[in-house]
Each structure stands twice: as structure tokens, then as C-alpha cells.
């Protein structure tokens, strides 16, 4: 993932806000 805050949470990735 490209670390998109709302989406990455569901994917189990770090919540790095990317716009």
C-alpha cells in the first residue's frame, strides 16, 4: 500500500497520513 491513512488501517499497515 501507499500508506493512505483510512485504507491502510484495514490493511494492517501503519497509519501514515499521505493526503
PDB file of N, CA and C in Angstrom:
ATOM      1  N   UNK A   1       0.842  -1.218   0.000  1.00  0.00           N
ATOM      2  CA  UNK A   1       0.000   0.000   0.000  1.00  0.00           C
ATOM      3  C   UNK A   1       0.868   1.256   0.000  1.00  0.00           C
ATOM      4  N   UNK A   2       0.249   2.352  -0.396  1.00  0.00           N
ATOM      5  CA  UNK A   2       0.971   3.628  -0.449  1.00  0.00           C
ATOM      6  C   UNK A   2       0.784   4.404   0.852  1.00  0.00           C
ATOM      7  N   UNK A   3       0.371   3.692   1.903  1.00  0.00           N
ATOM      8  CA  UNK A   3       0.164   4.318   3.212  1.00  0.00           C
ATOM      9  C   UNK A   3      -0.846   5.454   3.157  1.00  0.00           C
ATOM     10  N   UNK A   4      -2.064   5.101   2.854  1.00  0.00           N
ATOM     11  CA  UNK A   4      -3.157   6.072   2.882  1.00  0.00           C
ATOM     12  C   UNK A   4      -3.956   5.813   4.167  1.00  0.00           C
ATOM     13  N   UNK A   5      -3.897   6.766   5.064  1.00  0.00           N
ATOM     14  CA  UNK A   5      -4.393   6.595   6.424  1.00  0.00           C
ATOM     15  C   UNK A   5      -5.653   5.735   6.576  1.00  0.00           C
ATOM     16  N   UNK A   6      -6.794   6.116   5.988  1.00  0.00           N
ATOM     17  CA  UNK A   6      -8.023   5.359   6.260  1.00  0.00           C
ATOM     18  C   UNK A   6      -7.962   3.940   5.704  1.00  0.00           C
ATOM     19  N   UNK A   7      -7.251   3.754   4.593  1.00  0.00           N
ATOM     20  CA  UNK A   7      -7.233   2.456   3.942  1.00  0.00           C
ATOM     21  C   UNK A   7      -6.224   1.517   4.580  1.00  0.00           C
ATOM     22  N   UNK A   8      -5.070   2.039   4.937  1.00  0.00           N
ATOM     23  CA  UNK A   8      -4.021   1.192   5.484  1.00  0.00           C
ATOM     24  C   UNK A   8      -4.412   0.589   6.845  1.00  0.00           C
ATOM     25  N   UNK A   9      -5.257   1.238   7.578  1.00  0.00           N
ATOM     26  CA  UNK A   9      -5.681   0.681   8.851  1.00  0.00           C
ATOM     27  C   UNK A   9      -6.346  -0.675   8.622  1.00  0.00           C
ATOM     28  N   UNK A  10      -7.167  -0.764   7.590  1.00  0.00           N
ATOM     29  CA  UNK A  10      -7.864  -2.006   7.299  1.00  0.00           C
ATOM     30  C   UNK A  10      -6.898  -3.044   6.747  1.00  0.00           C
ATOM     31  N   UNK A  11      -5.819  -2.580   6.118  1.00  0.00           N
ATOM     32  CA  UNK A  11      -4.859  -3.490   5.520  1.00  0.00           C
ATOM     33  C   UNK A  11      -3.835  -3.948   6.548  1.00  0.00           C
ATOM     34  N   UNK A  12      -3.867  -3.324   7.726  1.00  0.00           N
ATOM     35  CA  UNK A  12      -2.960  -3.723   8.789  1.00  0.00           C
ATOM     36  C   UNK A  12      -1.610  -3.049   8.672  1.00  0.00           C
ATOM     37  N   UNK A  13      -1.579  -1.840   8.127  1.00  0.00           N
ATOM     38  CA  UNK A  13      -0.315  -1.125   7.978  1.00  0.00           C
ATOM     39  C   UNK A  13      -0.305   0.091   8.896  1.00  0.00           C
ATOM     40  N   UNK A  14       0.865   0.712   9.034  1.00  0.00           N
ATOM     41  CA  UNK A  14       0.988   1.856   9.931  1.00  0.00           C
ATOM     42  C   UNK A  14       0.185   3.041   9.398  1.00  0.00           C
ATOM     43  N   UNK A  15      -0.520   3.739  10.276  1.00  0.00           N
ATOM     44  CA  UNK A  15      -1.355   4.878   9.873  1.00  0.00           C
ATOM     45  C   UNK A  15      -0.520   6.097   9.525  1.00  0.00           C
ATOM     46  N   UNK A  16       0.111   6.083   8.359  1.00  0.00           N
ATOM     47  CA  UNK A  16       0.930   7.216   7.932  1.00  0.00           C
ATOM     48  C   UNK A  16       0.108   8.057   6.979  1.00  0.00           C
ATOM     49  N   UNK A  17      -0.384   9.179   7.472  1.00  0.00           N
ATOM     50  CA  UNK A  17      -1.256  10.029   6.652  1.00  0.00           C
ATOM     51  C   UNK A  17      -0.508  10.500   5.415  1.00  0.00           C
ATOM     52  N   UNK A  18      -1.115  10.247   4.261  1.00  0.00           N
ATOM     53  CA  UNK A  18      -0.475  10.596   2.997  1.00  0.00           C
ATOM     54  C   UNK A  18      -1.462  11.384   2.131  1.00  0.00           C
ATOM     55  N   UNK A  19      -2.064  12.409   2.728  1.00  0.00           N
ATOM     56  CA  UNK A  19      -3.035  13.198   1.987  1.00  0.00           C
ATOM     57  C   UNK A  19      -4.385  12.501   1.929  1.00  0.00           C
TER      58      UNK A  19
END
